[in-house]
PDB file of all heavy atoms in Angstrom:
ATOM      1  N   THR A   1     -10.093  -9.840 -10.191  1.00  0.00           N
ATOM      2  CA  THR A   1      -9.697 -10.555  -8.977  1.00  0.00           C
ATOM      3  C   THR A   1     -10.739 -11.594  -8.594  1.00  0.00           C
ATOM      4  O   THR A   1     -11.927 -11.430  -8.846  1.00  0.00           O
ATOM      5  CB  THR A   1      -9.506  -9.608  -7.770  1.00  0.00           C
ATOM      6  OG1 THR A   1     -10.733  -8.961  -7.482  1.00  0.00           O
ATOM      7  CG2 THR A   1      -8.441  -8.580  -8.017  1.00  0.00           C
ATOM      8  N   LEU A   2     -10.247 -12.635  -7.965  1.00  0.00           N
ATOM      9  CA  LEU A   2     -11.076 -13.634  -7.304  1.00  0.00           C
ATOM     10  C   LEU A   2     -10.175 -14.344  -6.301  1.00  0.00           C
ATOM     11  O   LEU A   2      -9.259 -15.072  -6.686  1.00  0.00           O
ATOM     12  CB  LEU A   2     -11.672 -14.655  -8.279  1.00  0.00           C
ATOM     13  CG  LEU A   2     -12.410 -15.825  -7.600  1.00  0.00           C
ATOM     14  CD1 LEU A   2     -13.582 -15.327  -6.753  1.00  0.00           C
ATOM     15  CD2 LEU A   2     -12.883 -16.839  -8.617  1.00  0.00           C
ATOM     16  N   ASN A   3     -10.397 -14.039  -5.039  1.00  0.00           N
ATOM     17  CA  ASN A   3      -9.587 -14.625  -3.965  1.00  0.00           C
ATOM     18  C   ASN A   3      -8.095 -14.480  -4.269  1.00  0.00           C
ATOM     19  O   ASN A   3      -7.344 -15.443  -4.261  1.00  0.00           O
ATOM     20  CB  ASN A   3      -9.972 -16.083  -3.742  1.00  0.00           C
ATOM     21  CG  ASN A   3     -11.390 -16.217  -3.232  1.00  0.00           C
ATOM     22  OD1 ASN A   3     -11.917 -15.329  -2.569  1.00  0.00           O
ATOM     23  ND2 ASN A   3     -12.023 -17.321  -3.545  1.00  0.00           N
ATOM     24  N   SER A   4      -7.674 -13.256  -4.493  1.00  0.00           N
ATOM     25  CA  SER A   4      -6.297 -12.944  -4.898  1.00  0.00           C
ATOM     26  C   SER A   4      -5.397 -12.544  -3.735  1.00  0.00           C
ATOM     27  O   SER A   4      -4.296 -12.036  -3.967  1.00  0.00           O
ATOM     28  CB  SER A   4      -6.314 -11.796  -5.910  1.00  0.00           C
ATOM     29  OG  SER A   4      -7.070 -12.137  -7.029  1.00  0.00           O
ATOM     30  N   GLU A   5      -5.841 -12.748  -2.528  1.00  0.00           N
ATOM     31  CA  GLU A   5      -5.097 -12.291  -1.359  1.00  0.00           C
ATOM     32  C   GLU A   5      -3.613 -12.671  -1.411  1.00  0.00           C
ATOM     33  O   GLU A   5      -2.745 -11.847  -1.128  1.00  0.00           O
ATOM     34  CB  GLU A   5      -5.735 -12.875  -0.096  1.00  0.00           C
ATOM     35  CG  GLU A   5      -5.002 -12.583   1.172  1.00  0.00           C
ATOM     36  CD  GLU A   5      -5.650 -13.238   2.377  1.00  0.00           C
ATOM     37  OE1 GLU A   5      -6.584 -14.049   2.221  1.00  0.00           O
ATOM     38  OE2 GLU A   5      -5.218 -12.939   3.489  1.00  0.00           O
ATOM     39  N   ALA A   6      -3.296 -13.882  -1.784  1.00  0.00           N
ATOM     40  CA  ALA A   6      -1.911 -14.351  -1.762  1.00  0.00           C
ATOM     41  C   ALA A   6      -1.022 -13.626  -2.770  1.00  0.00           C
ATOM     42  O   ALA A   6       0.192 -13.581  -2.595  1.00  0.00           O
ATOM     43  CB  ALA A   6      -1.871 -15.853  -2.037  1.00  0.00           C
ATOM     44  N   PHE A   7      -1.594 -13.060  -3.811  1.00  0.00           N
ATOM     45  CA  PHE A   7      -0.819 -12.446  -4.884  1.00  0.00           C
ATOM     46  C   PHE A   7      -1.025 -10.942  -4.993  1.00  0.00           C
ATOM     47  O   PHE A   7      -0.399 -10.292  -5.819  1.00  0.00           O
ATOM     48  CB  PHE A   7      -1.197 -13.082  -6.229  1.00  0.00           C
ATOM     49  CG  PHE A   7      -1.181 -14.575  -6.187  1.00  0.00           C
ATOM     50  CD1 PHE A   7      -2.363 -15.292  -6.094  1.00  0.00           C
ATOM     51  CD2 PHE A   7       0.014 -15.266  -6.214  1.00  0.00           C
ATOM     52  CE1 PHE A   7      -2.349 -16.675  -6.046  1.00  0.00           C
ATOM     53  CE2 PHE A   7       0.038 -16.645  -6.167  1.00  0.00           C
ATOM     54  CZ  PHE A   7      -1.145 -17.356  -6.077  1.00  0.00           C
ATOM     55  N   LEU A   8      -1.884 -10.384  -4.191  1.00  0.00           N
ATOM     56  CA  LEU A   8      -2.328  -9.007  -4.369  1.00  0.00           C
ATOM     57  C   LEU A   8      -1.301  -7.969  -3.923  1.00  0.00           C
ATOM     58  O   LEU A   8      -1.126  -6.954  -4.596  1.00  0.00           O
ATOM     59  CB  LEU A   8      -3.644  -8.803  -3.619  1.00  0.00           C
ATOM     60  CG  LEU A   8      -4.480  -7.603  -3.998  1.00  0.00           C
ATOM     61  CD1 LEU A   8      -4.735  -7.556  -5.486  1.00  0.00           C
ATOM     62  CD2 LEU A   8      -5.794  -7.627  -3.246  1.00  0.00           C
ATOM     63  N   ALA A   9      -0.619  -8.175  -2.829  1.00  0.00           N
ATOM     64  CA  ALA A   9       0.314  -7.170  -2.307  1.00  0.00           C
ATOM     65  C   ALA A   9       1.371  -6.762  -3.334  1.00  0.00           C
ATOM     66  O   ALA A   9       1.575  -5.560  -3.564  1.00  0.00           O
ATOM     67  CB  ALA A   9       0.947  -7.646  -1.012  1.00  0.00           C
ATOM     68  N   PRO A  10       2.060  -7.712  -3.994  1.00  0.00           N
ATOM     69  CA  PRO A  10       3.050  -7.280  -4.990  1.00  0.00           C
ATOM     70  C   PRO A  10       2.428  -6.563  -6.190  1.00  0.00           C
ATOM     71  O   PRO A  10       3.026  -5.647  -6.743  1.00  0.00           O
ATOM     72  CB  PRO A  10       3.722  -8.580  -5.437  1.00  0.00           C
ATOM     73  CG  PRO A  10       3.264  -9.649  -4.523  1.00  0.00           C
ATOM     74  CD  PRO A  10       2.078  -9.148  -3.777  1.00  0.00           C
ATOM     75  N   ARG A  11       1.227  -6.969  -6.571  1.00  0.00           N
ATOM     76  CA  ARG A  11       0.554  -6.299  -7.692  1.00  0.00           C
ATOM     77  C   ARG A  11       0.250  -4.856  -7.346  1.00  0.00           C
ATOM     78  O   ARG A  11       0.493  -3.947  -8.140  1.00  0.00           O
ATOM     79  CB  ARG A  11      -0.738  -7.036  -8.049  1.00  0.00           C
ATOM     80  CG  ARG A  11      -0.471  -8.408  -8.662  1.00  0.00           C
ATOM     81  CD  ARG A  11      -1.708  -9.279  -8.670  1.00  0.00           C
ATOM     82  NE  ARG A  11      -2.722  -8.805  -9.598  1.00  0.00           N
ATOM     83  CZ  ARG A  11      -3.950  -9.300  -9.648  1.00  0.00           C
ATOM     84  NH1 ARG A  11      -4.302 -10.300  -8.843  1.00  0.00           N
ATOM     85  NH2 ARG A  11      -4.831  -8.843 -10.493  1.00  0.00           N
ATOM     86  N   LEU A  12      -0.283  -4.637  -6.155  1.00  0.00           N
ATOM     87  CA  LEU A  12      -0.623  -3.274  -5.737  1.00  0.00           C
ATOM     88  C   LEU A  12       0.624  -2.430  -5.535  1.00  0.00           C
ATOM     89  O   LEU A  12       0.647  -1.245  -5.889  1.00  0.00           O
ATOM     90  CB  LEU A  12      -1.468  -3.320  -4.463  1.00  0.00           C
ATOM     91  CG  LEU A  12      -2.845  -3.973  -4.610  1.00  0.00           C
ATOM     92  CD1 LEU A  12      -3.524  -4.088  -3.256  1.00  0.00           C
ATOM     93  CD2 LEU A  12      -3.712  -3.205  -5.596  1.00  0.00           C
ATOM     94  N   GLU A  13       1.660  -3.010  -4.972  1.00  0.00           N
ATOM     95  CA  GLU A  13       2.913  -2.277  -4.774  1.00  0.00           C
ATOM     96  C   GLU A  13       3.523  -1.868  -6.106  1.00  0.00           C
ATOM     97  O   GLU A  13       4.054  -0.766  -6.243  1.00  0.00           O
ATOM     98  CB  GLU A  13       3.907  -3.120  -3.979  1.00  0.00           C
ATOM     99  CG  GLU A  13       5.190  -2.405  -3.657  1.00  0.00           C
ATOM    100  CD  GLU A  13       5.013  -1.106  -2.877  1.00  0.00           C
ATOM    101  OE1 GLU A  13       4.045  -0.983  -2.097  1.00  0.00           O
ATOM    102  OE2 GLU A  13       5.850  -0.194  -3.050  1.00  0.00           O
ATOM    103  N   SER A  14       3.432  -2.717  -7.100  1.00  0.00           N
ATOM    104  CA  SER A  14       3.937  -2.387  -8.426  1.00  0.00           C
ATOM    105  C   SER A  14       3.195  -1.185  -9.009  1.00  0.00           C
ATOM    106  O   SER A  14       3.811  -0.296  -9.617  1.00  0.00           O
ATOM    107  CB  SER A  14       3.790  -3.599  -9.344  1.00  0.00           C
ATOM    108  OG  SER A  14       4.166  -3.273 -10.654  1.00  0.00           O
ATOM    109  N   ILE A  15       1.900  -1.142  -8.815  1.00  0.00           N
ATOM    110  CA  ILE A  15       1.109   0.004  -9.286  1.00  0.00           C
ATOM    111  C   ILE A  15       1.523   1.263  -8.551  1.00  0.00           C
ATOM    112  O   ILE A  15       1.723   2.317  -9.148  1.00  0.00           O
ATOM    113  CB  ILE A  15      -0.399  -0.270  -9.116  1.00  0.00           C
ATOM    114  CG1 ILE A  15      -0.835  -1.396 -10.055  1.00  0.00           C
ATOM    115  CG2 ILE A  15      -1.215   0.998  -9.364  1.00  0.00           C
ATOM    116  CD1 ILE A  15      -2.206  -1.950  -9.747  1.00  0.00           C
ATOM    117  N   ARG A  16       1.685   1.170  -7.260  1.00  0.00           N
ATOM    118  CA  ARG A  16       2.049   2.328  -6.437  1.00  0.00           C
ATOM    119  C   ARG A  16       3.422   2.892  -6.832  1.00  0.00           C
ATOM    120  O   ARG A  16       3.649   4.095  -6.760  1.00  0.00           O
ATOM    121  CB  ARG A  16       2.052   1.916  -4.967  1.00  0.00           C
ATOM    122  CG  ARG A  16       2.406   2.968  -4.006  1.00  0.00           C
ATOM    123  CD  ARG A  16       1.369   4.038  -3.766  1.00  0.00           C
ATOM    124  NE  ARG A  16       0.194   3.479  -3.151  1.00  0.00           N
ATOM    125  CZ  ARG A  16      -1.022   3.964  -3.332  1.00  0.00           C
ATOM    126  NH1 ARG A  16      -1.220   5.005  -4.085  1.00  0.00           N
ATOM    127  NH2 ARG A  16      -2.052   3.414  -2.770  1.00  0.00           N
ATOM    128  N   ARG A  17       4.355   2.049  -7.273  1.00  0.00           N
ATOM    129  CA  ARG A  17       5.722   2.490  -7.587  1.00  0.00           C
ATOM    130  C   ARG A  17       5.863   3.117  -8.972  1.00  0.00           C
ATOM    131  O   ARG A  17       6.951   3.584  -9.320  1.00  0.00           O
ATOM    132  CB  ARG A  17       6.688   1.306  -7.482  1.00  0.00           C
ATOM    133  CG  ARG A  17       6.970   0.875  -6.076  1.00  0.00           C
ATOM    134  CD  ARG A  17       8.135  -0.097  -6.017  1.00  0.00           C
ATOM    135  NE  ARG A  17       8.077  -1.077  -7.095  1.00  0.00           N
ATOM    136  CZ  ARG A  17       7.946  -2.384  -6.922  1.00  0.00           C
ATOM    137  NH1 ARG A  17       7.899  -2.886  -5.724  1.00  0.00           N
ATOM    138  NH2 ARG A  17       7.890  -3.190  -7.965  1.00  0.00           N
ATOM    139  N   GLN A  18       4.824   3.130  -9.763  1.00  0.00           N
ATOM    140  CA  GLN A  18       4.934   3.696 -11.110  1.00  0.00           C
ATOM    141  C   GLN A  18       5.258   5.188 -11.034  1.00  0.00           C
ATOM    142  O   GLN A  18       4.839   5.887 -10.126  1.00  0.00           O
ATOM    143  CB  GLN A  18       3.642   3.490 -11.889  1.00  0.00           C
ATOM    144  CG  GLN A  18       3.286   2.040 -12.104  1.00  0.00           C
ATOM    145  CD  GLN A  18       4.389   1.273 -12.795  1.00  0.00           C
ATOM    146  OE1 GLN A  18       4.869   1.665 -13.841  1.00  0.00           O
ATOM    147  NE2 GLN A  18       4.786   0.161 -12.196  1.00  0.00           N
ATOM    148  N   THR A  19       5.997   5.660 -12.027  1.00  0.00           N
ATOM    149  CA  THR A  19       6.352   7.079 -12.048  1.00  0.00           C
ATOM    150  C   THR A  19       5.202   7.949 -12.554  1.00  0.00           C
ATOM    151  O   THR A  19       5.109   9.111 -12.184  1.00  0.00           O
ATOM    152  CB  THR A  19       7.606   7.317 -12.908  1.00  0.00           C
ATOM    153  OG1 THR A  19       7.380   6.790 -14.217  1.00  0.00           O
ATOM    154  CG2 THR A  19       8.806   6.624 -12.285  1.00  0.00           C
ATOM    155  N   LEU A  20       4.346   7.403 -13.385  1.00  0.00           N
ATOM    156  CA  LEU A  20       3.161   8.132 -13.826  1.00  0.00           C
ATOM    157  C   LEU A  20       2.166   8.179 -12.675  1.00  0.00           C
ATOM    158  O   LEU A  20       1.841   7.149 -12.088  1.00  0.00           O
ATOM    159  CB  LEU A  20       2.517   7.440 -15.034  1.00  0.00           C
ATOM    160  CG  LEU A  20       1.242   8.091 -15.560  1.00  0.00           C
ATOM    161  CD1 LEU A  20       1.579   9.409 -16.241  1.00  0.00           C
ATOM    162  CD2 LEU A  20       0.520   7.175 -16.505  1.00  0.00           C
ATOM    163  N   THR A  21       1.708   9.350 -12.334  1.00  0.00           N
ATOM    164  CA  THR A  21       0.790   9.478 -11.196  1.00  0.00           C
ATOM    165  C   THR A  21      -0.657   9.696 -11.611  1.00  0.00           C
ATOM    166  O   THR A  21      -1.544   9.659 -10.770  1.00  0.00           O
ATOM    167  CB  THR A  21       1.233  10.649 -10.292  1.00  0.00           C
ATOM    168  OG1 THR A  21       1.267  11.851 -11.069  1.00  0.00           O
ATOM    169  CG2 THR A  21       2.599  10.382  -9.688  1.00  0.00           C
ATOM    170  N   ASP A  22      -0.907   9.904 -12.890  1.00  0.00           N
ATOM    171  CA  ASP A  22      -2.268  10.173 -13.370  1.00  0.00           C
ATOM    172  C   ASP A  22      -2.917   8.863 -13.828  1.00  0.00           C
ATOM    173  O   ASP A  22      -3.027   8.593 -15.017  1.00  0.00           O
ATOM    174  CB  ASP A  22      -2.211  11.187 -14.510  1.00  0.00           C
ATOM    175  CG  ASP A  22      -3.591  11.681 -14.906  1.00  0.00           C
ATOM    176  OD1 ASP A  22      -4.559  11.434 -14.145  1.00  0.00           O
ATOM    177  OD2 ASP A  22      -3.709  12.303 -15.976  1.00  0.00           O
ATOM    178  N   TRP A  23      -3.331   8.039 -12.852  1.00  0.00           N
ATOM    179  CA  TRP A  23      -3.905   6.734 -13.156  1.00  0.00           C
ATOM    180  C   TRP A  23      -5.107   6.467 -12.263  1.00  0.00           C
ATOM    181  O   TRP A  23      -5.305   7.130 -11.248  1.00  0.00           O
ATOM    182  CB  TRP A  23      -2.884   5.618 -12.984  1.00  0.00           C
ATOM    183  CG  TRP A  23      -2.224   5.584 -11.640  1.00  0.00           C
ATOM    184  CD1 TRP A  23      -1.029   6.153 -11.308  1.00  0.00           C
ATOM    185  CD2 TRP A  23      -2.719   4.984 -10.443  1.00  0.00           C
ATOM    186  NE1 TRP A  23      -0.743   5.940  -9.986  1.00  0.00           N
ATOM    187  CE2 TRP A  23      -1.775   5.222  -9.419  1.00  0.00           C
ATOM    188  CE3 TRP A  23      -3.861   4.274 -10.111  1.00  0.00           C
ATOM    189  CZ2 TRP A  23      -1.940   4.770  -8.116  1.00  0.00           C
ATOM    190  CZ3 TRP A  23      -4.021   3.829  -8.802  1.00  0.00           C
ATOM    191  CH2 TRP A  23      -3.068   4.082  -7.831  1.00  0.00           C
ATOM    192  N   GLU A  24      -5.874   5.481 -12.676  1.00  0.00           N
ATOM    193  CA  GLU A  24      -6.936   4.944 -11.836  1.00  0.00           C
ATOM    194  C   GLU A  24      -6.818   3.429 -11.878  1.00  0.00           C
ATOM    195  O   GLU A  24      -6.342   2.858 -12.861  1.00  0.00           O
ATOM    196  CB  GLU A  24      -8.323   5.371 -12.319  1.00  0.00           C
ATOM    197  CG  GLU A  24      -8.730   4.731 -13.629  1.00  0.00           C
ATOM    198  CD  GLU A  24     -10.152   5.047 -14.048  1.00  0.00           C
ATOM    199  OE1 GLU A  24     -10.968   5.485 -13.223  1.00  0.00           O
ATOM    200  OE2 GLU A  24     -10.454   4.848 -15.243  1.00  0.00           O
ATOM    201  N   LEU A  25      -7.222   2.776 -10.802  1.00  0.00           N
ATOM    202  CA  LEU A  25      -7.247   1.321 -10.738  1.00  0.00           C
ATOM    203  C   LEU A  25      -8.699   0.887 -10.754  1.00  0.00           C
ATOM    204  O   LEU A  25      -9.497   1.313  -9.913  1.00  0.00           O
ATOM    205  CB  LEU A  25      -6.556   0.824  -9.466  1.00  0.00           C
ATOM    206  CG  LEU A  25      -6.637  -0.682  -9.200  1.00  0.00           C
ATOM    207  CD1 LEU A  25      -5.979  -1.463 -10.328  1.00  0.00           C
ATOM    208  CD2 LEU A  25      -5.999  -1.011  -7.870  1.00  0.00           C
ATOM    209  N   VAL A  26      -9.050   0.068 -11.723  1.00  0.00           N
ATOM    210  CA  VAL A  26     -10.399  -0.466 -11.846  1.00  0.00           C
ATOM    211  C   VAL A  26     -10.324  -1.956 -11.509  1.00  0.00           C
ATOM    212  O   VAL A  26      -9.708  -2.727 -12.233  1.00  0.00           O
ATOM    213  CB  VAL A  26     -10.984  -0.267 -13.262  1.00  0.00           C
ATOM    214  CG1 VAL A  26     -12.381  -0.842 -13.356  1.00  0.00           C
ATOM    215  CG2 VAL A  26     -10.951   1.204 -13.650  1.00  0.00           C
ATOM    216  N   VAL A  27     -10.918  -2.326 -10.385  1.00  0.00           N
ATOM    217  CA  VAL A  27     -10.899  -3.711  -9.925  1.00  0.00           C
ATOM    218  C   VAL A  27     -12.256  -4.325 -10.217  1.00  0.00           C
ATOM    219  O   VAL A  27     -13.289  -3.768  -9.851  1.00  0.00           O
ATOM    220  CB  VAL A  27     -10.605  -3.787  -8.411  1.00  0.00           C
ATOM    221  CG1 VAL A  27     -10.622  -5.231  -7.932  1.00  0.00           C
ATOM    222  CG2 VAL A  27      -9.273  -3.129  -8.094  1.00  0.00           C
ATOM    223  N   VAL A  28     -12.250  -5.467 -10.892  1.00  0.00           N
ATOM    224  CA  VAL A  28     -13.482  -6.220 -11.114  1.00  0.00           C
ATOM    225  C   VAL A  28     -13.331  -7.511 -10.319  1.00  0.00           C
ATOM    226  O   VAL A  28     -12.522  -8.369 -10.651  1.00  0.00           O
ATOM    227  CB  VAL A  28     -13.717  -6.513 -12.607  1.00  0.00           C
ATOM    228  CG1 VAL A  28     -15.006  -7.303 -12.796  1.00  0.00           C
ATOM    229  CG2 VAL A  28     -13.755  -5.216 -13.403  1.00  0.00           C
ATOM    230  N   ASP A  29     -14.073  -7.604  -9.241  1.00  0.00           N
ATOM    231  CA  ASP A  29     -13.961  -8.733  -8.329  1.00  0.00           C
ATOM    232  C   ASP A  29     -15.152  -9.667  -8.499  1.00  0.00           C
ATOM    233  O   ASP A  29     -16.285  -9.227  -8.609  1.00  0.00           O
ATOM    234  CB  ASP A  29     -13.906  -8.238  -6.884  1.00  0.00           C
ATOM    235  CG  ASP A  29     -13.736  -9.379  -5.923  1.00  0.00           C
ATOM    236  OD1 ASP A  29     -12.631  -9.962  -5.894  1.00  0.00           O
ATOM    237  OD2 ASP A  29     -14.695  -9.711  -5.212  1.00  0.00           O
ATOM    238  N   SER A  30     -14.861 -10.954  -8.513  1.00  0.00           N
ATOM    239  CA  SER A  30     -15.907 -11.971  -8.689  1.00  0.00           C
ATOM    240  C   SER A  30     -16.316 -12.574  -7.351  1.00  0.00           C
ATOM    241  O   SER A  30     -16.247 -13.777  -7.156  1.00  0.00           O
ATOM    242  CB  SER A  30     -15.419 -13.069  -9.643  1.00  0.00           C
ATOM    243  OG  SER A  30     -15.190 -12.537 -10.919  1.00  0.00           O
ATOM    244  N   GLN A  31     -16.719 -11.704  -6.427  1.00  0.00           N
ATOM    245  CA  GLN A  31     -17.236 -12.125  -5.119  1.00  0.00           C
ATOM    246  C   GLN A  31     -16.184 -12.876  -4.285  1.00  0.00           C
ATOM    247  O   GLN A  31     -16.433 -13.956  -3.766  1.00  0.00           O
ATOM    248  CB  GLN A  31     -18.496 -12.981  -5.287  1.00  0.00           C
ATOM    249  CG  GLN A  31     -19.593 -12.350  -6.100  1.00  0.00           C
ATOM    250  CD  GLN A  31     -20.176 -11.102  -5.439  1.00  0.00           C
ATOM    251  OE1 GLN A  31     -20.329 -11.063  -4.220  1.00  0.00           O
ATOM    252  NE2 GLN A  31     -20.493 -10.091  -6.221  1.00  0.00           N
ATOM    253  N   SER A  32     -14.994 -12.292  -4.154  1.00  0.00           N
ATOM    254  CA  SER A  32     -13.941 -12.896  -3.335  1.00  0.00           C
ATOM    255  C   SER A  32     -14.435 -13.097  -1.909  1.00  0.00           C
ATOM    256  O   SER A  32     -15.166 -12.264  -1.361  1.00  0.00           O
ATOM    257  CB  SER A  32     -12.708 -11.996  -3.301  1.00  0.00           C
ATOM    258  OG  SER A  32     -12.073 -11.982  -4.555  1.00  0.00           O
ATOM    259  N   ASP A  33     -14.016 -14.209  -1.300  1.00  0.00           N
ATOM    260  CA  ASP A  33     -14.394 -14.447   0.096  1.00  0.00           C
ATOM    261  C   ASP A  33     -13.150 -14.577   0.983  1.00  0.00           C
ATOM    262  O   ASP A  33     -13.217 -15.130   2.074  1.00  0.00           O
ATOM    263  CB  ASP A  33     -15.313 -15.672   0.236  1.00  0.00           C
ATOM    264  CG  ASP A  33     -14.745 -16.927  -0.406  1.00  0.00           C
ATOM    265  OD1 ASP A  33     -13.536 -16.969  -0.700  1.00  0.00           O
ATOM    266  OD2 ASP A  33     -15.527 -17.865  -0.612  1.00  0.00           O
ATOM    267  N   ASP A  34     -12.015 -14.026   0.506  1.00  0.00           N
ATOM    268  CA  ASP A  34     -10.820 -13.945   1.336  1.00  0.00           C
ATOM    269  C   ASP A  34     -10.579 -12.468   1.654  1.00  0.00           C
ATOM    270  O   ASP A  34     -11.511 -11.679   1.648  1.00  0.00           O
ATOM    271  CB  ASP A  34      -9.627 -14.610   0.644  1.00  0.00           C
ATOM    272  CG  ASP A  34      -9.211 -13.896  -0.642  1.00  0.00           C
ATOM    273  OD1 ASP A  34      -9.886 -12.927  -1.048  1.00  0.00           O
ATOM    274  OD2 ASP A  34      -8.212 -14.310  -1.240  1.00  0.00           O
ATOM    275  N   ALA A  35      -9.370 -12.073   1.899  1.00  0.00           N
ATOM    276  CA  ALA A  35      -9.067 -10.681   2.284  1.00  0.00           C
ATOM    277  C   ALA A  35      -8.777  -9.776   1.093  1.00  0.00           C
ATOM    278  O   ALA A  35      -8.242  -8.682   1.267  1.00  0.00           O
ATOM    279  CB  ALA A  35      -7.889 -10.675   3.241  1.00  0.00           C
ATOM    280  N   THR A  36      -9.158 -10.190  -0.097  1.00  0.00           N
ATOM    281  CA  THR A  36      -8.891  -9.384  -1.284  1.00  0.00           C
ATOM    282  C   THR A  36      -9.487  -7.987  -1.169  1.00  0.00           C
ATOM    283  O   THR A  36      -8.785  -6.985  -1.345  1.00  0.00           O
ATOM    284  CB  THR A  36      -9.430 -10.086  -2.556  1.00  0.00           C
ATOM    285  OG1 THR A  36      -8.699 -11.296  -2.744  1.00  0.00           O
ATOM    286  CG2 THR A  36      -9.295  -9.216  -3.783  1.00  0.00           C
ATOM    287  N   LEU A  37     -10.759  -7.870  -0.888  1.00  0.00           N
ATOM    288  CA  LEU A  37     -11.401  -6.548  -0.849  1.00  0.00           C
ATOM    289  C   LEU A  37     -10.884  -5.668   0.278  1.00  0.00           C
ATOM    290  O   LEU A  37     -10.635  -4.475   0.044  1.00  0.00           O
ATOM    291  CB  LEU A  37     -12.916  -6.697  -0.813  1.00  0.00           C
ATOM    292  CG  LEU A  37     -13.517  -7.249  -2.111  1.00  0.00           C
ATOM    293  CD1 LEU A  37     -15.022  -7.422  -1.982  1.00  0.00           C
ATOM    294  CD2 LEU A  37     -13.184  -6.358  -3.285  1.00  0.00           C
ATOM    295  N   PRO A  38     -10.674  -6.178   1.493  1.00  0.00           N
ATOM    296  CA  PRO A  38     -10.055  -5.322   2.514  1.00  0.00           C
ATOM    297  C   PRO A  38      -8.661  -4.829   2.111  1.00  0.00           C
ATOM    298  O   PRO A  38      -8.293  -3.686   2.414  1.00  0.00           O
ATOM    299  CB  PRO A  38      -9.990  -6.218   3.748  1.00  0.00           C
ATOM    300  CG  PRO A  38     -11.109  -7.185   3.555  1.00  0.00           C
ATOM    301  CD  PRO A  38     -11.152  -7.425   2.070  1.00  0.00           C
TER     302      PRO A  38
END
């Protein structure tokens, strides 16, 4: 991620809707200065 606020909600929702529940999300952020991290 890098300042992904505008595109992040659908990406996260897609992950949440998966039927497999045994997962981890690894985010590598390049110092975003928008609302990406919150």
